[in-house]
N, C-alpha and C. Protein backbone atom coordinates (compact mmCIF):
# COMPACT_ATOMS: atom_id res chain seq x y z
N MET A 1 22.29 11.63 53.06
CA MET A 1 21.80 11.94 51.66
C MET A 1 22.40 10.95 50.73
N ASN A 2 23.59 10.52 50.99
CA ASN A 2 24.30 9.65 50.07
C ASN A 2 23.62 8.22 50.16
N ARG A 3 23.02 7.97 51.26
CA ARG A 3 22.33 6.66 51.46
C ARG A 3 21.13 6.57 50.48
N LEU A 4 20.45 7.71 50.27
CA LEU A 4 19.22 7.68 49.38
C LEU A 4 19.59 7.35 48.00
N PHE A 5 20.84 7.57 47.57
CA PHE A 5 21.22 7.30 46.20
C PHE A 5 22.11 6.11 46.04
N SER A 6 22.11 5.21 47.03
CA SER A 6 22.93 3.96 46.95
C SER A 6 22.28 3.10 45.96
N ASP A 7 23.06 2.02 45.60
CA ASP A 7 22.63 1.12 44.56
C ASP A 7 21.30 0.40 44.94
N THR A 8 21.26 0.08 46.20
CA THR A 8 20.05 -0.65 46.71
C THR A 8 18.86 0.14 46.52
N TYR A 9 18.87 1.46 46.92
CA TYR A 9 17.66 2.33 46.84
C TYR A 9 17.38 2.75 45.40
N ARG A 10 18.44 2.82 44.56
CA ARG A 10 18.22 3.04 43.14
C ARG A 10 17.40 1.85 42.50
N THR A 11 17.75 0.63 42.95
CA THR A 11 17.00 -0.55 42.43
C THR A 11 15.54 -0.47 42.90
N TYR A 12 15.32 -0.16 44.18
CA TYR A 12 13.98 -0.02 44.66
C TYR A 12 13.22 1.10 43.83
N TYR A 13 13.90 2.18 43.54
CA TYR A 13 13.16 3.37 42.86
C TYR A 13 12.83 2.86 41.47
N THR A 14 13.71 2.13 40.81
CA THR A 14 13.49 1.67 39.41
C THR A 14 12.33 0.67 39.49
N LEU A 15 12.32 -0.19 40.41
CA LEU A 15 11.21 -1.10 40.56
C LEU A 15 9.86 -0.46 40.84
N LEU A 16 9.92 0.54 41.64
CA LEU A 16 8.73 1.29 41.97
C LEU A 16 8.21 2.06 40.78
N LEU A 17 9.13 2.64 39.98
CA LEU A 17 8.77 3.43 38.79
C LEU A 17 8.20 2.50 37.73
N THR A 18 8.74 1.26 37.60
CA THR A 18 8.23 0.26 36.65
C THR A 18 6.80 -0.17 37.07
N PHE A 19 6.59 -0.48 38.29
CA PHE A 19 5.26 -0.90 38.73
C PHE A 19 4.24 0.23 38.66
N ALA A 20 4.69 1.52 38.91
CA ALA A 20 3.77 2.65 38.82
C ALA A 20 3.33 2.83 37.31
N GLY A 21 4.33 2.69 36.40
CA GLY A 21 3.99 2.83 35.03
C GLY A 21 3.07 1.70 34.54
N LEU A 22 3.35 0.45 35.08
CA LEU A 22 2.46 -0.66 34.67
C LEU A 22 1.02 -0.43 35.18
N ILE A 23 0.92 0.06 36.42
CA ILE A 23 -0.42 0.33 36.99
C ILE A 23 -1.17 1.43 36.12
N LEU A 24 -0.42 2.48 35.78
CA LEU A 24 -1.03 3.58 34.98
C LEU A 24 -1.45 2.97 33.60
N PHE A 25 -0.58 2.15 33.00
CA PHE A 25 -0.83 1.66 31.67
C PHE A 25 -2.07 0.68 31.74
N MET A 26 -2.20 -0.16 32.73
CA MET A 26 -3.28 -1.07 32.87
C MET A 26 -4.57 -0.25 33.14
N GLY A 27 -4.48 0.83 33.88
CA GLY A 27 -5.61 1.68 34.10
C GLY A 27 -6.09 2.36 32.81
N TYR A 28 -5.16 2.59 31.89
CA TYR A 28 -5.53 3.26 30.57
C TYR A 28 -6.38 2.33 29.74
N LEU A 29 -6.00 1.04 29.68
CA LEU A 29 -6.66 0.07 28.79
C LEU A 29 -7.98 -0.32 29.49
N ASN A 30 -8.90 -0.78 28.61
CA ASN A 30 -10.06 -1.32 28.99
C ASN A 30 -9.82 -2.84 29.07
N VAL A 31 -9.78 -3.42 30.25
CA VAL A 31 -9.32 -4.76 30.38
C VAL A 31 -10.39 -5.77 30.31
N HIS A 32 -11.60 -5.38 29.72
CA HIS A 32 -12.65 -6.32 29.64
C HIS A 32 -12.73 -7.11 28.34
N ASP A 33 -11.90 -6.78 27.40
CA ASP A 33 -11.99 -7.56 26.11
C ASP A 33 -10.69 -8.33 25.91
N ALA A 34 -10.70 -9.25 24.89
CA ALA A 34 -9.54 -10.17 24.75
C ALA A 34 -8.30 -9.48 24.19
N GLU A 35 -8.48 -8.43 23.45
CA GLU A 35 -7.31 -7.75 22.85
C GLU A 35 -6.51 -7.07 23.97
N SER A 36 -7.26 -6.40 24.94
CA SER A 36 -6.52 -5.81 26.01
C SER A 36 -5.83 -6.82 26.88
N PHE A 37 -6.41 -7.90 27.16
CA PHE A 37 -5.83 -8.98 27.91
C PHE A 37 -4.56 -9.42 27.14
N MET A 38 -4.59 -9.54 25.85
CA MET A 38 -3.30 -10.02 25.06
C MET A 38 -2.24 -8.95 25.18
N ILE A 39 -2.67 -7.68 25.05
CA ILE A 39 -1.63 -6.59 25.17
C ILE A 39 -0.96 -6.55 26.59
N ILE A 40 -1.81 -6.79 27.63
CA ILE A 40 -1.16 -6.86 28.95
C ILE A 40 -0.31 -8.08 29.14
N ALA A 41 -0.71 -9.23 28.57
CA ALA A 41 0.03 -10.33 28.72
C ALA A 41 1.46 -10.27 28.00
N LEU A 42 1.39 -9.64 26.76
CA LEU A 42 2.58 -9.38 26.03
C LEU A 42 3.51 -8.41 26.75
N THR A 43 2.91 -7.44 27.47
CA THR A 43 3.62 -6.46 28.24
C THR A 43 4.43 -7.14 29.37
N PHE A 44 3.70 -8.08 29.99
CA PHE A 44 4.31 -8.88 31.13
C PHE A 44 5.55 -9.74 30.58
N VAL A 45 5.32 -10.25 29.34
CA VAL A 45 6.39 -11.04 28.71
C VAL A 45 7.63 -10.23 28.45
N VAL A 46 7.38 -8.95 27.94
CA VAL A 46 8.48 -8.05 27.73
C VAL A 46 9.23 -7.64 29.10
N LEU A 47 8.39 -7.45 30.10
CA LEU A 47 8.96 -7.21 31.42
C LEU A 47 9.82 -8.37 31.94
N GLY A 48 9.22 -9.54 31.85
CA GLY A 48 9.99 -10.70 32.18
C GLY A 48 11.26 -10.96 31.42
N SER A 49 11.26 -10.79 30.06
CA SER A 49 12.46 -10.89 29.36
C SER A 49 13.55 -9.94 29.71
N GLY A 50 13.01 -8.69 29.95
CA GLY A 50 14.01 -7.60 30.35
C GLY A 50 14.62 -7.94 31.70
N ILE A 51 13.86 -8.43 32.63
CA ILE A 51 14.46 -8.72 34.00
C ILE A 51 15.37 -9.93 33.91
N LEU A 52 14.96 -10.91 33.09
CA LEU A 52 15.73 -12.16 33.03
C LEU A 52 17.05 -11.95 32.17
N PHE A 53 16.87 -11.40 31.00
CA PHE A 53 17.93 -11.36 29.98
C PHE A 53 18.67 -10.11 29.75
N GLY A 54 18.05 -8.99 30.17
CA GLY A 54 18.69 -7.67 29.92
C GLY A 54 17.99 -6.80 28.96
N ILE A 55 18.57 -5.71 28.70
CA ILE A 55 17.87 -4.62 27.97
C ILE A 55 17.87 -4.97 26.43
N LEU A 56 18.93 -5.48 25.85
CA LEU A 56 18.92 -5.73 24.47
C LEU A 56 17.94 -6.84 24.03
N PRO A 57 17.86 -8.00 24.68
CA PRO A 57 16.78 -8.92 24.25
C PRO A 57 15.45 -8.43 24.49
N ALA A 58 15.15 -7.69 25.49
CA ALA A 58 13.87 -7.06 25.64
C ALA A 58 13.51 -6.12 24.54
N LEU A 59 14.45 -5.29 24.11
CA LEU A 59 14.22 -4.34 23.01
C LEU A 59 14.00 -5.07 21.74
N VAL A 60 14.74 -6.15 21.49
CA VAL A 60 14.56 -6.92 20.26
C VAL A 60 13.25 -7.60 20.23
N PHE A 61 12.77 -8.14 21.38
CA PHE A 61 11.47 -8.79 21.53
C PHE A 61 10.39 -7.73 21.25
N THR A 62 10.60 -6.53 21.89
CA THR A 62 9.61 -5.48 21.62
C THR A 62 9.50 -5.11 20.10
N LEU A 63 10.63 -5.04 19.47
CA LEU A 63 10.63 -4.75 18.04
C LEU A 63 9.91 -5.77 17.26
N LEU A 64 10.16 -7.04 17.56
CA LEU A 64 9.41 -8.17 16.91
C LEU A 64 7.91 -8.07 17.15
N ILE A 65 7.63 -7.88 18.35
CA ILE A 65 6.08 -7.83 18.74
C ILE A 65 5.46 -6.67 17.88
N LEU A 66 6.09 -5.47 17.94
CA LEU A 66 5.50 -4.41 17.30
C LEU A 66 5.50 -4.60 15.82
N PHE A 67 6.43 -5.27 15.20
CA PHE A 67 6.44 -5.58 13.78
C PHE A 67 5.28 -6.50 13.44
N PHE A 68 5.15 -7.57 14.19
CA PHE A 68 4.18 -8.48 13.76
C PHE A 68 2.75 -7.98 14.06
N ILE A 69 2.51 -7.24 15.12
CA ILE A 69 1.20 -6.68 15.37
C ILE A 69 0.88 -5.59 14.32
N GLY A 70 1.83 -4.76 14.00
CA GLY A 70 1.67 -3.77 13.00
C GLY A 70 1.36 -4.30 11.64
N SER A 71 2.11 -5.29 11.30
CA SER A 71 1.97 -5.99 9.95
C SER A 71 0.56 -6.60 9.91
N GLY A 72 0.16 -7.26 10.98
CA GLY A 72 -1.14 -7.87 11.02
C GLY A 72 -2.29 -6.82 10.91
N MET A 73 -2.09 -5.74 11.59
CA MET A 73 -3.08 -4.68 11.48
C MET A 73 -3.16 -4.03 10.05
N PHE A 74 -1.93 -3.87 9.51
CA PHE A 74 -1.85 -3.30 8.09
C PHE A 74 -2.51 -4.23 7.17
N PHE A 75 -2.24 -5.48 7.10
CA PHE A 75 -2.74 -6.40 6.17
C PHE A 75 -4.24 -6.59 6.32
N THR A 76 -4.74 -6.67 7.58
CA THR A 76 -6.23 -6.87 7.70
C THR A 76 -6.98 -5.61 7.26
N GLU A 77 -6.40 -4.43 7.48
CA GLU A 77 -7.06 -3.19 7.00
C GLU A 77 -6.96 -3.09 5.49
N LEU A 78 -5.82 -3.56 4.95
CA LEU A 78 -5.63 -3.44 3.52
C LEU A 78 -6.50 -4.43 2.77
N GLY A 79 -6.70 -5.63 3.35
CA GLY A 79 -7.50 -6.62 2.73
C GLY A 79 -9.05 -6.43 2.93
N HIS A 80 -9.39 -5.46 3.65
CA HIS A 80 -10.80 -5.15 4.03
C HIS A 80 -11.48 -6.34 4.68
N THR A 81 -10.74 -7.09 5.47
CA THR A 81 -11.31 -8.18 6.23
C THR A 81 -11.64 -7.62 7.61
N ASN A 82 -12.00 -8.47 8.58
CA ASN A 82 -12.10 -8.09 9.89
C ASN A 82 -10.87 -7.66 10.45
N PRO A 83 -10.86 -6.45 11.10
CA PRO A 83 -9.58 -5.99 11.66
C PRO A 83 -9.02 -6.87 12.81
N LEU A 84 -7.76 -6.84 12.90
CA LEU A 84 -7.05 -7.63 13.89
C LEU A 84 -7.45 -7.20 15.30
N PHE A 85 -7.46 -5.86 15.55
CA PHE A 85 -7.90 -5.34 16.82
C PHE A 85 -9.20 -4.60 16.57
N SER A 86 -10.32 -5.19 16.94
CA SER A 86 -11.55 -4.60 16.63
C SER A 86 -11.91 -3.52 17.64
N ASN A 87 -11.44 -3.56 18.95
CA ASN A 87 -11.78 -2.58 19.96
C ASN A 87 -10.62 -1.60 20.14
N GLN A 88 -9.43 -1.85 19.62
CA GLN A 88 -8.31 -0.92 19.92
C GLN A 88 -8.09 -0.04 18.74
N THR A 89 -7.87 1.24 19.03
CA THR A 89 -7.53 2.21 17.97
C THR A 89 -6.07 2.27 17.71
N LEU A 90 -5.67 2.98 16.66
CA LEU A 90 -4.32 3.12 16.36
C LEU A 90 -3.57 3.84 17.52
N GLN A 91 -4.29 4.84 18.08
CA GLN A 91 -3.73 5.58 19.19
C GLN A 91 -3.42 4.67 20.34
N ASP A 92 -4.24 3.68 20.65
CA ASP A 92 -3.98 2.77 21.74
C ASP A 92 -2.78 1.86 21.48
N VAL A 93 -2.57 1.51 20.17
CA VAL A 93 -1.42 0.68 19.79
C VAL A 93 -0.17 1.47 19.92
N VAL A 94 -0.22 2.71 19.52
CA VAL A 94 0.97 3.64 19.58
C VAL A 94 1.36 3.85 21.07
N ILE A 95 0.36 4.06 21.86
CA ILE A 95 0.70 4.24 23.42
C ILE A 95 1.19 2.94 23.86
N TRP A 96 0.69 1.77 23.45
CA TRP A 96 1.24 0.54 23.90
C TRP A 96 2.71 0.34 23.44
N GLY A 97 3.00 0.74 22.26
CA GLY A 97 4.36 0.62 21.79
C GLY A 97 5.31 1.56 22.55
N VAL A 98 4.97 2.75 22.86
CA VAL A 98 5.79 3.54 23.76
C VAL A 98 5.85 2.94 25.12
N ALA A 99 4.82 2.40 25.67
CA ALA A 99 4.83 1.79 26.94
C ALA A 99 5.77 0.51 26.92
N LEU A 100 5.70 -0.20 25.87
CA LEU A 100 6.60 -1.36 25.74
C LEU A 100 8.06 -1.01 25.75
N LEU A 101 8.35 0.10 25.09
CA LEU A 101 9.77 0.63 25.00
C LEU A 101 10.12 1.04 26.45
N PHE A 102 9.22 1.72 27.16
CA PHE A 102 9.57 2.13 28.47
C PHE A 102 9.80 0.94 29.44
N PHE A 103 8.91 -0.08 29.35
CA PHE A 103 9.01 -1.22 30.20
C PHE A 103 10.28 -2.07 29.81
N ALA A 104 10.64 -2.14 28.49
CA ALA A 104 11.81 -2.88 28.18
C ALA A 104 13.03 -2.22 28.75
N MET A 105 13.15 -0.82 28.65
CA MET A 105 14.20 -0.13 29.16
C MET A 105 14.38 -0.22 30.67
N SER A 106 13.19 -0.13 31.36
CA SER A 106 13.23 -0.06 32.85
C SER A 106 13.50 -1.54 33.29
N ALA A 107 12.95 -2.55 32.67
CA ALA A 107 13.34 -3.94 33.11
C ALA A 107 14.78 -4.25 32.80
N GLY A 108 15.31 -3.69 31.73
CA GLY A 108 16.72 -4.01 31.46
C GLY A 108 17.63 -3.35 32.43
N THR A 109 17.18 -2.18 32.89
CA THR A 109 17.89 -1.43 33.94
C THR A 109 17.91 -2.14 35.21
N LEU A 110 16.77 -2.62 35.52
CA LEU A 110 16.64 -3.52 36.79
C LEU A 110 17.58 -4.69 36.67
N HIS A 111 17.68 -5.40 35.51
CA HIS A 111 18.52 -6.56 35.28
C HIS A 111 20.00 -6.07 35.56
N GLU A 112 20.40 -5.01 35.03
CA GLU A 112 21.78 -4.58 35.14
C GLU A 112 22.12 -4.19 36.60
N ARG A 113 21.15 -3.50 37.30
CA ARG A 113 21.36 -3.11 38.69
C ARG A 113 21.40 -4.40 39.60
N ILE A 114 20.57 -5.43 39.32
CA ILE A 114 20.60 -6.62 40.11
C ILE A 114 21.91 -7.34 39.91
N LYS A 115 22.29 -7.43 38.65
CA LYS A 115 23.60 -8.07 38.30
C LYS A 115 24.77 -7.41 39.00
N THR A 116 24.73 -6.02 38.99
CA THR A 116 25.84 -5.27 39.69
C THR A 116 25.83 -5.59 41.19
N MET A 117 24.66 -5.52 41.78
CA MET A 117 24.53 -5.78 43.23
C MET A 117 24.99 -7.25 43.52
N ARG A 118 24.60 -8.24 42.76
CA ARG A 118 25.05 -9.59 42.99
C ARG A 118 26.57 -9.70 42.89
N HIS A 119 27.17 -9.02 41.90
CA HIS A 119 28.57 -9.03 41.77
C HIS A 119 29.27 -8.37 43.00
N THR A 120 28.68 -7.27 43.47
CA THR A 120 29.14 -6.56 44.63
C THR A 120 29.11 -7.34 45.93
N ILE A 121 28.01 -8.13 46.04
CA ILE A 121 27.80 -8.94 47.24
C ILE A 121 28.73 -10.14 47.22
N GLY A 122 29.00 -10.59 46.04
CA GLY A 122 29.96 -11.80 45.89
C GLY A 122 31.37 -11.50 46.17
N GLN A 123 31.70 -10.28 46.15
CA GLN A 123 33.18 -9.94 46.45
C GLN A 123 33.45 -9.89 47.91
């Protein structure tokens, strides 16, 4: 029983949970238009920054992405020009924001677990 909760298996479980969330999120979006492709690409960038640099840089990057996307959506709606996201609703953007926070946290956790395992193996 103790083996199921070792650091190695916890890392595998975190990785599995991250990929399962990513598959569910990609299944939610309609991947046939350019906006959805951009959202998925930015999600992969957040995942990569979380795995490479840790939880705090991933969360800062998520905050910046959400700020710039939200500001762009606000100003295009305010100016009565063509909207920034023509096929995405506000509900989709909010779900994407929550998904980005989840992916940043889970990728940062993966980074910390891998760093701990590498330190343990080095001893």
